[in-house]
PDB file of all heavy atoms in Angstrom:
ATOM      1  N   ILE A   1       9.569  -6.950 -22.812  1.00  0.00           N
ATOM      2  CA  ILE A   1       8.867  -6.300 -23.929  1.00  0.00           C
ATOM      3  C   ILE A   1       9.125  -4.796 -23.836  1.00  0.00           C
ATOM      4  O   ILE A   1       8.804  -4.159 -22.836  1.00  0.00           O
ATOM      5  CB  ILE A   1       7.357  -6.585 -23.880  1.00  0.00           C
ATOM      6  CG1 ILE A   1       7.090  -8.097 -23.892  1.00  0.00           C
ATOM      7  CG2 ILE A   1       6.657  -5.920 -25.064  1.00  0.00           C
ATOM      8  CD1 ILE A   1       5.628  -8.460 -23.704  1.00  0.00           C
ATOM      9  N   SER A   2       9.710  -4.223 -24.864  1.00  0.00           N
ATOM     10  CA  SER A   2      10.103  -2.814 -24.818  1.00  0.00           C
ATOM     11  C   SER A   2       8.916  -1.879 -24.997  1.00  0.00           C
ATOM     12  O   SER A   2       7.842  -2.276 -25.470  1.00  0.00           O
ATOM     13  CB  SER A   2      11.138  -2.525 -25.910  1.00  0.00           C
ATOM     14  OG  SER A   2      10.537  -2.595 -27.198  1.00  0.00           O
ATOM     15  N   LYS A   3       9.132  -0.626 -24.636  1.00  0.00           N
ATOM     16  CA  LYS A   3       8.093   0.389 -24.839  1.00  0.00           C
ATOM     17  C   LYS A   3       7.764   0.533 -26.325  1.00  0.00           C
ATOM     18  O   LYS A   3       6.611   0.714 -26.702  1.00  0.00           O
ATOM     19  CB  LYS A   3       8.552   1.737 -24.267  1.00  0.00           C
ATOM     20  CG  LYS A   3       8.761   1.755 -22.759  1.00  0.00           C
ATOM     21  CD  LYS A   3       8.944   3.165 -22.233  1.00  0.00           C
ATOM     22  CE  LYS A   3      10.209   3.842 -22.727  1.00  0.00           C
ATOM     23  NZ  LYS A   3      11.434   3.330 -22.090  1.00  0.00           N
ATOM     24  N   LYS A   4       8.784   0.436 -27.179  1.00  0.00           N
ATOM     25  CA  LYS A   4       8.560   0.544 -28.625  1.00  0.00           C
ATOM     26  C   LYS A   4       7.671  -0.588 -29.124  1.00  0.00           C
ATOM     27  O   LYS A   4       6.794  -0.383 -29.967  1.00  0.00           O
ATOM     28  CB  LYS A   4       9.895   0.537 -29.368  1.00  0.00           C
ATOM     29  CG  LYS A   4      10.679   1.840 -29.261  1.00  0.00           C
ATOM     30  CD  LYS A   4      11.909   1.802 -30.130  1.00  0.00           C
ATOM     31  CE  LYS A   4      12.666   3.131 -30.071  1.00  0.00           C
ATOM     32  NZ  LYS A   4      13.881   3.094 -30.924  1.00  0.00           N
ATOM     33  N   GLU A   5       7.897  -1.782 -28.608  1.00  0.00           N
ATOM     34  CA  GLU A   5       7.078  -2.927 -29.023  1.00  0.00           C
ATOM     35  C   GLU A   5       5.633  -2.753 -28.575  1.00  0.00           C
ATOM     36  O   GLU A   5       4.685  -3.068 -29.316  1.00  0.00           O
ATOM     37  CB  GLU A   5       7.657  -4.223 -28.454  1.00  0.00           C
ATOM     38  CG  GLU A   5       8.982  -4.631 -29.089  1.00  0.00           C
ATOM     39  CD  GLU A   5       9.605  -5.829 -28.410  1.00  0.00           C
ATOM     40  OE1 GLU A   5       9.748  -5.815 -27.160  1.00  0.00           O
ATOM     41  OE2 GLU A   5       9.959  -6.783 -29.120  1.00  0.00           O
ATOM     42  N   LEU A   6       5.441  -2.255 -27.366  1.00  0.00           N
ATOM     43  CA  LEU A   6       4.089  -2.026 -26.872  1.00  0.00           C
ATOM     44  C   LEU A   6       3.394  -0.926 -27.664  1.00  0.00           C
ATOM     45  O   LEU A   6       2.205  -1.022 -27.978  1.00  0.00           O
ATOM     46  CB  LEU A   6       4.124  -1.678 -25.379  1.00  0.00           C
ATOM     47  CG  LEU A   6       4.594  -2.801 -24.455  1.00  0.00           C
ATOM     48  CD1 LEU A   6       4.750  -2.278 -23.036  1.00  0.00           C
ATOM     49  CD2 LEU A   6       3.610  -3.966 -24.481  1.00  0.00           C
ATOM     50  N   ASP A   7       4.151   0.140 -27.992  1.00  0.00           N
ATOM     51  CA  ASP A   7       3.587   1.206 -28.821  1.00  0.00           C
ATOM     52  C   ASP A   7       3.155   0.657 -30.183  1.00  0.00           C
ATOM     53  O   ASP A   7       2.097   1.034 -30.718  1.00  0.00           O
ATOM     54  CB  ASP A   7       4.622   2.316 -29.026  1.00  0.00           C
ATOM     55  CG  ASP A   7       4.781   3.185 -27.787  1.00  0.00           C
ATOM     56  OD1 ASP A   7       3.984   3.041 -26.839  1.00  0.00           O
ATOM     57  OD2 ASP A   7       5.718   4.013 -27.768  1.00  0.00           O
ATOM     58  N   ALA A   8       3.974  -0.241 -30.747  1.00  0.00           N
ATOM     59  CA  ALA A   8       3.648  -0.832 -32.048  1.00  0.00           C
ATOM     60  C   ALA A   8       2.379  -1.677 -31.973  1.00  0.00           C
ATOM     61  O   ALA A   8       1.570  -1.690 -32.916  1.00  0.00           O
ATOM     62  CB  ALA A   8       4.823  -1.677 -32.545  1.00  0.00           C
ATOM     63  N   LEU A   9       2.195  -2.379 -30.859  1.00  0.00           N
ATOM     64  CA  LEU A   9       0.984  -3.189 -30.693  1.00  0.00           C
ATOM     65  C   LEU A   9      -0.264  -2.308 -30.658  1.00  0.00           C
ATOM     66  O   LEU A   9      -1.323  -2.681 -31.182  1.00  0.00           O
ATOM     67  CB  LEU A   9       1.070  -4.027 -29.418  1.00  0.00           C
ATOM     68  CG  LEU A   9       2.070  -5.186 -29.439  1.00  0.00           C
ATOM     69  CD1 LEU A   9       2.145  -5.851 -28.069  1.00  0.00           C
ATOM     70  CD2 LEU A   9       1.681  -6.213 -30.502  1.00  0.00           C
ATOM     71  N   LEU A  10      -0.140  -1.126 -30.048  1.00  0.00           N
ATOM     72  CA  LEU A  10      -1.277  -0.201 -30.025  1.00  0.00           C
ATOM     73  C   LEU A  10      -1.640   0.250 -31.435  1.00  0.00           C
ATOM     74  O   LEU A  10      -2.819   0.384 -31.782  1.00  0.00           O
ATOM     75  CB  LEU A  10      -0.934   1.027 -29.177  1.00  0.00           C
ATOM     76  CG  LEU A  10      -1.052   0.911 -27.663  1.00  0.00           C
ATOM     77  CD1 LEU A  10      -0.638   2.217 -27.016  1.00  0.00           C
ATOM     78  CD2 LEU A  10      -2.468   0.549 -27.258  1.00  0.00           C
ATOM     79  N   LYS A  11      -0.622   0.470 -32.254  1.00  0.00           N
ATOM     80  CA  LYS A  11      -0.852   1.031 -33.585  1.00  0.00           C
ATOM     81  C   LYS A  11      -1.116  -0.031 -34.636  1.00  0.00           C
ATOM     82  O   LYS A  11      -1.968   0.150 -35.514  1.00  0.00           O
ATOM     83  CB  LYS A  11       0.367   1.866 -33.986  1.00  0.00           C
ATOM     84  CG  LYS A  11       0.222   2.603 -35.310  1.00  0.00           C
ATOM     85  CD  LYS A  11       1.445   3.447 -35.588  1.00  0.00           C
ATOM     86  CE  LYS A  11       1.298   4.204 -36.915  1.00  0.00           C
ATOM     87  NZ  LYS A  11       2.495   5.020 -37.212  1.00  0.00           N
ATOM     88  N   GLU A  12      -0.389  -1.137 -34.548  1.00  0.00           N
ATOM     89  CA  GLU A  12      -0.424  -2.120 -35.636  1.00  0.00           C
ATOM     90  C   GLU A  12      -0.907  -3.509 -35.209  1.00  0.00           C
ATOM     91  O   GLU A  12      -1.131  -4.372 -36.058  1.00  0.00           O
ATOM     92  CB  GLU A  12       0.981  -2.253 -36.245  1.00  0.00           C
ATOM     93  CG  GLU A  12       1.550  -0.937 -36.752  1.00  0.00           C
ATOM     94  CD  GLU A  12       3.041  -1.005 -37.001  1.00  0.00           C
ATOM     95  OE1 GLU A  12       3.619  -2.098 -36.796  1.00  0.00           O
ATOM     96  OE2 GLU A  12       3.628   0.024 -37.372  1.00  0.00           O
ATOM     97  N   GLY A  13      -1.030  -3.762 -33.901  1.00  0.00           N
ATOM     98  CA  GLY A  13      -1.447  -5.080 -33.445  1.00  0.00           C
ATOM     99  C   GLY A  13      -2.920  -5.342 -33.724  1.00  0.00           C
ATOM    100  O   GLY A  13      -3.681  -4.420 -34.057  1.00  0.00           O
ATOM    101  N   ASP A  14      -3.314  -6.595 -33.562  1.00  0.00           N
ATOM    102  CA  ASP A  14      -4.742  -6.879 -33.738  1.00  0.00           C
ATOM    103  C   ASP A  14      -5.517  -6.353 -32.528  1.00  0.00           C
ATOM    104  O   ASP A  14      -4.933  -5.853 -31.564  1.00  0.00           O
ATOM    105  CB  ASP A  14      -4.979  -8.374 -33.960  1.00  0.00           C
ATOM    106  CG  ASP A  14      -4.566  -9.247 -32.780  1.00  0.00           C
ATOM    107  OD1 ASP A  14      -4.675  -8.791 -31.618  1.00  0.00           O
ATOM    108  OD2 ASP A  14      -4.135 -10.401 -33.010  1.00  0.00           O
ATOM    109  N   ALA A  15      -6.820  -6.480 -32.584  1.00  0.00           N
ATOM    110  CA  ALA A  15      -7.664  -5.879 -31.549  1.00  0.00           C
ATOM    111  C   ALA A  15      -7.361  -6.425 -30.163  1.00  0.00           C
ATOM    112  O   ALA A  15      -7.340  -5.671 -29.171  1.00  0.00           O
ATOM    113  CB  ALA A  15      -9.140  -6.116 -31.899  1.00  0.00           C
ATOM    114  N   THR A  16      -7.095  -7.723 -30.054  1.00  0.00           N
ATOM    115  CA  THR A  16      -6.816  -8.321 -28.741  1.00  0.00           C
ATOM    116  C   THR A  16      -5.508  -7.802 -28.164  1.00  0.00           C
ATOM    117  O   THR A  16      -5.422  -7.480 -26.978  1.00  0.00           O
ATOM    118  CB  THR A  16      -6.760  -9.858 -28.864  1.00  0.00           C
ATOM    119  OG1 THR A  16      -8.001 -10.338 -29.370  1.00  0.00           O
ATOM    120  CG2 THR A  16      -6.500 -10.485 -27.501  1.00  0.00           C
ATOM    121  N   GLU A  17      -4.485  -7.713 -29.014  1.00  0.00           N
ATOM    122  CA  GLU A  17      -3.186  -7.202 -28.550  1.00  0.00           C
ATOM    123  C   GLU A  17      -3.296  -5.753 -28.089  1.00  0.00           C
ATOM    124  O   GLU A  17      -2.795  -5.379 -27.024  1.00  0.00           O
ATOM    125  CB  GLU A  17      -2.157  -7.329 -29.673  1.00  0.00           C
ATOM    126  CG  GLU A  17      -1.793  -8.767 -30.012  1.00  0.00           C
ATOM    127  CD  GLU A  17      -0.966  -8.877 -31.271  1.00  0.00           C
ATOM    128  OE1 GLU A  17      -1.080  -7.984 -32.151  1.00  0.00           O
ATOM    129  OE2 GLU A  17      -0.210  -9.852 -31.405  1.00  0.00           O
ATOM    130  N   ALA A  18      -3.937  -4.927 -28.910  1.00  0.00           N
ATOM    131  CA  ALA A  18      -4.090  -3.514 -28.552  1.00  0.00           C
ATOM    132  C   ALA A  18      -4.929  -3.353 -27.289  1.00  0.00           C
ATOM    133  O   ALA A  18      -4.609  -2.534 -26.412  1.00  0.00           O
ATOM    134  CB  ALA A  18      -4.739  -2.756 -29.710  1.00  0.00           C
ATOM    135  N   ALA A  19      -5.981  -4.158 -27.154  1.00  0.00           N
ATOM    136  CA  ALA A  19      -6.846  -4.076 -25.970  1.00  0.00           C
ATOM    137  C   ALA A  19      -6.093  -4.484 -24.711  1.00  0.00           C
ATOM    138  O   ALA A  19      -6.303  -3.907 -23.631  1.00  0.00           O
ATOM    139  CB  ALA A  19      -8.079  -4.956 -26.160  1.00  0.00           C
ATOM    140  N   LEU A  20      -5.215  -5.469 -24.843  1.00  0.00           N
ATOM    141  CA  LEU A  20      -4.413  -5.907 -23.698  1.00  0.00           C
ATOM    142  C   LEU A  20      -3.505  -4.784 -23.218  1.00  0.00           C
ATOM    143  O   LEU A  20      -3.424  -4.501 -22.012  1.00  0.00           O
ATOM    144  CB  LEU A  20      -3.585  -7.137 -24.088  1.00  0.00           C
ATOM    145  CG  LEU A  20      -2.610  -7.686 -23.029  1.00  0.00           C
ATOM    146  CD1 LEU A  20      -3.360  -8.068 -21.761  1.00  0.00           C
ATOM    147  CD2 LEU A  20      -1.857  -8.880 -23.591  1.00  0.00           C
ATOM    148  N   VAL A  21      -2.848  -4.122 -24.155  1.00  0.00           N
ATOM    149  CA  VAL A  21      -1.967  -3.006 -23.784  1.00  0.00           C
ATOM    150  C   VAL A  21      -2.777  -1.861 -23.187  1.00  0.00           C
ATOM    151  O   VAL A  21      -2.382  -1.247 -22.181  1.00  0.00           O
ATOM    152  CB  VAL A  21      -1.162  -2.525 -25.010  1.00  0.00           C
ATOM    153  CG1 VAL A  21      -0.300  -1.313 -24.628  1.00  0.00           C
ATOM    154  CG2 VAL A  21      -0.274  -3.641 -25.547  1.00  0.00           C
ATOM    155  N   LEU A  22      -3.926  -1.579 -23.779  1.00  0.00           N
ATOM    156  CA  LEU A  22      -4.780  -0.511 -23.243  1.00  0.00           C
ATOM    157  C   LEU A  22      -5.274  -0.848 -21.839  1.00  0.00           C
ATOM    158  O   LEU A  22      -5.425   0.045 -20.993  1.00  0.00           O
ATOM    159  CB  LEU A  22      -5.972  -0.275 -24.170  1.00  0.00           C
ATOM    160  CG  LEU A  22      -5.681   0.508 -25.450  1.00  0.00           C
ATOM    161  CD1 LEU A  22      -6.902   0.515 -26.358  1.00  0.00           C
ATOM    162  CD2 LEU A  22      -5.258   1.938 -25.115  1.00  0.00           C
ATOM    163  N   GLY A  23      -5.515  -2.123 -21.583  1.00  0.00           N
ATOM    164  CA  GLY A  23      -5.916  -2.532 -20.230  1.00  0.00           C
ATOM    165  C   GLY A  23      -4.834  -2.241 -19.214  1.00  0.00           C
ATOM    166  O   GLY A  23      -5.120  -1.776 -18.101  1.00  0.00           O
ATOM    167  N   ALA A  24      -3.575  -2.476 -19.605  1.00  0.00           N
ATOM    168  CA  ALA A  24      -2.456  -2.174 -18.707  1.00  0.00           C
ATOM    169  C   ALA A  24      -2.305  -0.670 -18.520  1.00  0.00           C
ATOM    170  O   ALA A  24      -2.004  -0.190 -17.420  1.00  0.00           O
ATOM    171  CB  ALA A  24      -1.169  -2.779 -19.259  1.00  0.00           C
ATOM    172  N   VAL A  25      -2.538   0.082 -19.599  1.00  0.00           N
ATOM    173  CA  VAL A  25      -2.487   1.550 -19.511  1.00  0.00           C
ATOM    174  C   VAL A  25      -3.542   2.050 -18.527  1.00  0.00           C
ATOM    175  O   VAL A  25      -3.270   2.921 -17.690  1.00  0.00           O
ATOM    176  CB  VAL A  25      -2.701   2.189 -20.906  1.00  0.00           C
ATOM    177  CG1 VAL A  25      -2.963   3.697 -20.778  1.00  0.00           C
ATOM    178  CG2 VAL A  25      -1.501   1.938 -21.797  1.00  0.00           C
ATOM    179  N   GLU A  26      -4.739   1.498 -18.609  1.00  0.00           N
ATOM    180  CA  GLU A  26      -5.815   1.908 -17.697  1.00  0.00           C
ATOM    181  C   GLU A  26      -5.456   1.583 -16.247  1.00  0.00           C
ATOM    182  O   GLU A  26      -5.629   2.417 -15.348  1.00  0.00           O
ATOM    183  CB  GLU A  26      -7.114   1.200 -18.078  1.00  0.00           C
ATOM    184  CG  GLU A  26      -8.274   1.424 -17.101  1.00  0.00           C
ATOM    185  CD  GLU A  26      -8.747   2.864 -17.049  1.00  0.00           C
ATOM    186  OE1 GLU A  26      -8.500   3.607 -18.027  1.00  0.00           O
ATOM    187  OE2 GLU A  26      -9.369   3.239 -16.034  1.00  0.00           O
ATOM    188  N   GLY A  27      -4.928   0.381 -16.006  1.00  0.00           N
ATOM    189  CA  GLY A  27      -4.542   0.012 -14.647  1.00  0.00           C
ATOM    190  C   GLY A  27      -3.460   0.911 -14.097  1.00  0.00           C
ATOM    191  O   GLY A  27      -3.517   1.347 -12.940  1.00  0.00           O
ATOM    192  N   PHE A  28      -2.472   1.224 -14.942  1.00  0.00           N
ATOM    193  CA  PHE A  28      -1.385   2.100 -14.500  1.00  0.00           C
ATOM    194  C   PHE A  28      -1.891   3.519 -14.255  1.00  0.00           C
ATOM    195  O   PHE A  28      -1.476   4.182 -13.298  1.00  0.00           O
ATOM    196  CB  PHE A  28      -0.259   2.118 -15.540  1.00  0.00           C
ATOM    197  CG  PHE A  28       0.912   2.954 -15.138  1.00  0.00           C
ATOM    198  CD1 PHE A  28       1.896   2.448 -14.292  1.00  0.00           C
ATOM    199  CD2 PHE A  28       1.035   4.270 -15.570  1.00  0.00           C
ATOM    200  CE1 PHE A  28       2.975   3.231 -13.903  1.00  0.00           C
ATOM    201  CE2 PHE A  28       2.107   5.059 -15.191  1.00  0.00           C
ATOM    202  CZ  PHE A  28       3.080   4.533 -14.356  1.00  0.00           C
ATOM    203  N   ALA A  29      -2.788   3.997 -15.123  1.00  0.00           N
ATOM    204  CA  ALA A  29      -3.344   5.340 -14.949  1.00  0.00           C
ATOM    205  C   ALA A  29      -4.090   5.453 -13.617  1.00  0.00           C
ATOM    206  O   ALA A  29      -4.004   6.477 -12.922  1.00  0.00           O
ATOM    207  CB  ALA A  29      -4.280   5.673 -16.106  1.00  0.00           C
ATOM    208  N   GLN A  30      -4.818   4.412 -13.254  1.00  0.00           N
ATOM    209  CA  GLN A  30      -5.505   4.403 -11.960  1.00  0.00           C
ATOM    210  C   GLN A  30      -4.497   4.472 -10.811  1.00  0.00           C
ATOM    211  O   GLN A  30      -4.711   5.189  -9.823  1.00  0.00           O
ATOM    212  CB  GLN A  30      -6.365   3.141 -11.837  1.00  0.00           C
ATOM    213  CG  GLN A  30      -7.531   3.047 -12.810  1.00  0.00           C
ATOM    214  CD  GLN A  30      -8.688   3.966 -12.459  1.00  0.00           C
ATOM    215  OE1 GLN A  30      -8.736   4.546 -11.360  1.00  0.00           O
ATOM    216  NE2 GLN A  30      -9.652   4.093 -13.376  1.00  0.00           N
ATOM    217  N   SER A  31      -3.389   3.746 -10.961  1.00  0.00           N
ATOM    218  CA  SER A  31      -2.350   3.767  -9.931  1.00  0.00           C
ATOM    219  C   SER A  31      -1.690   5.141  -9.844  1.00  0.00           C
ATOM    220  O   SER A  31      -1.419   5.648  -8.751  1.00  0.00           O
ATOM    221  CB  SER A  31      -1.282   2.709 -10.234  1.00  0.00           C
ATOM    222  OG  SER A  31      -1.808   1.405 -10.140  1.00  0.00           O
ATOM    223  N   LEU A  32      -1.423   5.752 -11.014  1.00  0.00           N
ATOM    224  CA  LEU A  32      -0.821   7.085 -11.035  1.00  0.00           C
ATOM    225  C   LEU A  32      -1.742   8.103 -10.376  1.00  0.00           C
ATOM    226  O   LEU A  32      -1.292   8.959  -9.588  1.00  0.00           O
ATOM    227  CB  LEU A  32      -0.516   7.493 -12.473  1.00  0.00           C
ATOM    228  CG  LEU A  32       0.100   8.886 -12.681  1.00  0.00           C
ATOM    229  CD1 LEU A  32       1.392   9.035 -11.906  1.00  0.00           C
ATOM    230  CD2 LEU A  32       0.335   9.136 -14.178  1.00  0.00           C
ATOM    231  N   ALA A  33      -3.039   8.012 -10.655  1.00  0.00           N
ATOM    232  CA  ALA A  33      -4.001   8.915 -10.020  1.00  0.00           C
ATOM    233  C   ALA A  33      -4.020   8.712  -8.510  1.00  0.00           C
ATOM    234  O   ALA A  33      -4.108   9.683  -7.733  1.00  0.00           O
ATOM    235  CB  ALA A  33      -5.396   8.691 -10.610  1.00  0.00           C
ATOM    236  N   PHE A  34      -3.917   7.466  -8.077  1.00  0.00           N
ATOM    237  CA  PHE A  34      -3.867   7.162  -6.641  1.00  0.00           C
ATOM    238  C   PHE A  34      -2.647   7.806  -5.991  1.00  0.00           C
ATOM    239  O   PHE A  34      -2.741   8.423  -4.920  1.00  0.00           O
ATOM    240  CB  PHE A  34      -3.829   5.646  -6.434  1.00  0.00           C
ATOM    241  CG  PHE A  34      -3.528   5.228  -5.017  1.00  0.00           C
ATOM    242  CD1 PHE A  34      -4.525   5.221  -4.050  1.00  0.00           C
ATOM    243  CD2 PHE A  34      -2.240   4.864  -4.640  1.00  0.00           C
ATOM    244  CE1 PHE A  34      -4.239   4.851  -2.734  1.00  0.00           C
ATOM    245  CE2 PHE A  34      -1.951   4.501  -3.335  1.00  0.00           C
ATOM    246  CZ  PHE A  34      -2.956   4.490  -2.379  1.00  0.00           C
ATOM    247  N   VAL A  35      -1.492   7.674  -6.644  1.00  0.00           N
ATOM    248  CA  VAL A  35      -0.265   8.256  -6.101  1.00  0.00           C
ATOM    249  C   VAL A  35      -0.390   9.780  -6.000  1.00  0.00           C
ATOM    250  O   VAL A  35       0.001  10.388  -4.994  1.00  0.00           O
ATOM    251  CB  VAL A  35       0.948   7.871  -6.981  1.00  0.00           C
ATOM    252  CG1 VAL A  35       2.187   8.668  -6.573  1.00  0.00           C
ATOM    253  CG2 VAL A  35       1.223   6.374  -6.866  1.00  0.00           C
ATOM    254  N   ILE A  36      -0.948  10.403  -7.023  1.00  0.00           N
ATOM    255  CA  ILE A  36      -1.105  11.863  -7.005  1.00  0.00           C
ATOM    256  C   ILE A  36      -2.049  12.284  -5.882  1.00  0.00           C
ATOM    257  O   ILE A  36      -1.804  13.291  -5.197  1.00  0.00           O
ATOM    258  CB  ILE A  36      -1.605  12.354  -8.376  1.00  0.00           C
ATOM    259  CG1 ILE A  36      -0.480  12.186  -9.413  1.00  0.00           C
ATOM    260  CG2 ILE A  36      -2.058  13.821  -8.299  1.00  0.00           C
ATOM    261  CD1 ILE A  36      -0.915  12.441 -10.835  1.00  0.00           C
ATOM    262  N   ARG A  37      -3.119  11.529  -5.658  1.00  0.00           N
ATOM    263  CA  ARG A  37      -4.015  11.847  -4.530  1.00  0.00           C
ATOM    264  C   ARG A  37      -3.240  11.847  -3.215  1.00  0.00           C
ATOM    265  O   ARG A  37      -3.448  12.711  -2.362  1.00  0.00           O
ATOM    266  CB  ARG A  37      -5.150  10.832  -4.457  1.00  0.00           C
ATOM    267  CG  ARG A  37      -6.180  10.930  -5.554  1.00  0.00           C
ATOM    268  CD  ARG A  37      -7.357  10.002  -5.292  1.00  0.00           C
ATOM    269  NE  ARG A  37      -7.963   9.550  -6.533  1.00  0.00           N
ATOM    270  CZ  ARG A  37      -7.814   8.343  -7.047  1.00  0.00           C
ATOM    271  NH1 ARG A  37      -7.076   7.427  -6.413  1.00  0.00           N
ATOM    272  NH2 ARG A  37      -8.398   8.023  -8.185  1.00  0.00           N
ATOM    273  N   ARG A  38      -2.384  10.858  -3.035  1.00  0.00           N
ATOM    274  CA  ARG A  38      -1.604  10.763  -1.806  1.00  0.00           C
ATOM    275  C   ARG A  38      -0.628  11.924  -1.661  1.00  0.00           C
ATOM    276  O   ARG A  38      -0.458  12.477  -0.572  1.00  0.00           O
ATOM    277  CB  ARG A  38      -0.848   9.437  -1.757  1.00  0.00           C
ATOM    278  CG  ARG A  38      -1.754   8.215  -1.534  1.00  0.00           C
ATOM    279  CD  ARG A  38      -2.477   8.283  -0.183  1.00  0.00           C
ATOM    280  NE  ARG A  38      -1.569   8.458   0.930  1.00  0.00           N
ATOM    281  CZ  ARG A  38      -0.964   7.478   1.589  1.00  0.00           C
ATOM    282  NH1 ARG A  38      -1.204   6.221   1.258  1.00  0.00           N
ATOM    283  NH2 ARG A  38      -0.152   7.725   2.605  1.00  0.00           N
ATOM    284  N   PHE A  39       0.011  12.300  -2.768  1.00  0.00           N
ATOM    285  CA  PHE A  39       0.954  13.414  -2.704  1.00  0.00           C
ATOM    286  C   PHE A  39       0.241  14.723  -2.372  1.00  0.00           C
ATOM    287  O   PHE A  39       0.753  15.540  -1.594  1.00  0.00           O
ATOM    288  CB  PHE A  39       1.715  13.550  -4.027  1.00  0.00           C
ATOM    289  CG  PHE A  39       2.992  12.756  -4.075  1.00  0.00           C
ATOM    290  CD1 PHE A  39       3.018  11.480  -4.600  1.00  0.00           C
ATOM    291  CD2 PHE A  39       4.182  13.297  -3.593  1.00  0.00           C
ATOM    292  CE1 PHE A  39       4.189  10.739  -4.644  1.00  0.00           C
ATOM    293  CE2 PHE A  39       5.357  12.567  -3.623  1.00  0.00           C
ATOM    294  CZ  PHE A  39       5.374  11.292  -4.149  1.00  0.00           C
ATOM    295  N   THR A  40      -0.923  14.937  -2.958  1.00  0.00           N
ATOM    296  CA  THR A  40      -1.619  16.205  -2.738  1.00  0.00           C
ATOM    297  C   THR A  40      -2.199  16.322  -1.327  1.00  0.00           C
ATOM    298  O   THR A  40      -2.692  17.384  -0.949  1.00  0.00           O
ATOM    299  CB  THR A  40      -2.734  16.408  -3.780  1.00  0.00           C
ATOM    300  OG1 THR A  40      -3.620  15.287  -3.774  1.00  0.00           O
ATOM    301  CG2 THR A  40      -2.146  16.586  -5.167  1.00  0.00           C
ATOM    302  N   ARG A  41      -2.140  15.262  -0.559  1.00  0.00           N
ATOM    303  CA  ARG A  41      -2.528  15.349   0.852  1.00  0.00           C
ATOM    304  C   ARG A  41      -1.406  15.918   1.717  1.00  0.00           C
ATOM    305  O   ARG A  41      -1.623  16.286   2.872  1.00  0.00           O
ATOM    306  CB  ARG A  41      -2.919  13.958   1.360  1.00  0.00           C
ATOM    307  CG  ARG A  41      -4.302  13.517   0.878  1.00  0.00           C
ATOM    308  CD  ARG A  41      -4.528  12.033   0.991  1.00  0.00           C
ATOM    309  NE  ARG A  41      -4.247  11.485   2.316  1.00  0.00           N
ATOM    310  CZ  ARG A  41      -4.326  10.192   2.619  1.00  0.00           C
ATOM    311  NH1 ARG A  41      -4.681   9.308   1.679  1.00  0.00           N
ATOM    312  NH2 ARG A  41      -4.070   9.765   3.829  1.00  0.00           N
ATOM    313  N   LEU A  42      -0.198  15.993   1.153  1.00  0.00           N
ATOM    314  CA  LEU A  42       0.942  16.529   1.887  1.00  0.00           C
ATOM    315  C   LEU A  42       0.924  18.056   1.853  1.00  0.00           C
ATOM    316  O   LEU A  42       0.459  18.668   0.889  1.00  0.00           O
ATOM    317  CB  LEU A  42       2.252  16.027   1.280  1.00  0.00           C
ATOM    318  CG  LEU A  42       2.455  14.507   1.250  1.00  0.00           C
ATOM    319  CD1 LEU A  42       3.713  14.169   0.478  1.00  0.00           C
ATOM    320  CD2 LEU A  42       2.529  13.960   2.671  1.00  0.00           C
ATOM    321  N   LYS A  43       1.469  18.670   2.873  1.00  0.00           N
ATOM    322  CA  LYS A  43       1.440  20.127   2.995  1.00  0.00           C
ATOM    323  C   LYS A  43       2.072  20.812   1.788  1.00  0.00           C
ATOM    324  O   LYS A  43       1.516  21.772   1.237  1.00  0.00           O
ATOM    325  CB  LYS A  43       2.181  20.547   4.269  1.00  0.00           C
ATOM    326  CG  LYS A  43       2.225  22.050   4.486  1.00  0.00           C
ATOM    327  CD  LYS A  43       2.977  22.387   5.763  1.00  0.00           C
ATOM    328  CE  LYS A  43       3.063  23.904   5.957  1.00  0.00           C
ATOM    329  NZ  LYS A  43       3.829  24.250   7.190  1.00  0.00           N
TER     330      LYS A  43
END
C-alpha cells in the first residue's frame, strides 16, 4: 500500500479506514519519540 494511497484514505476514506491509518500514525509517532529520546541521551 503506497504512501499516496494511505494519504487518500485519510482524506477521502470512510471513518474506519481513516481511523486505521491514524492509529498507525500514532504508533509510529510514539516509536519516533522513543528513538529521539535514545539519541538525546548520547553526548
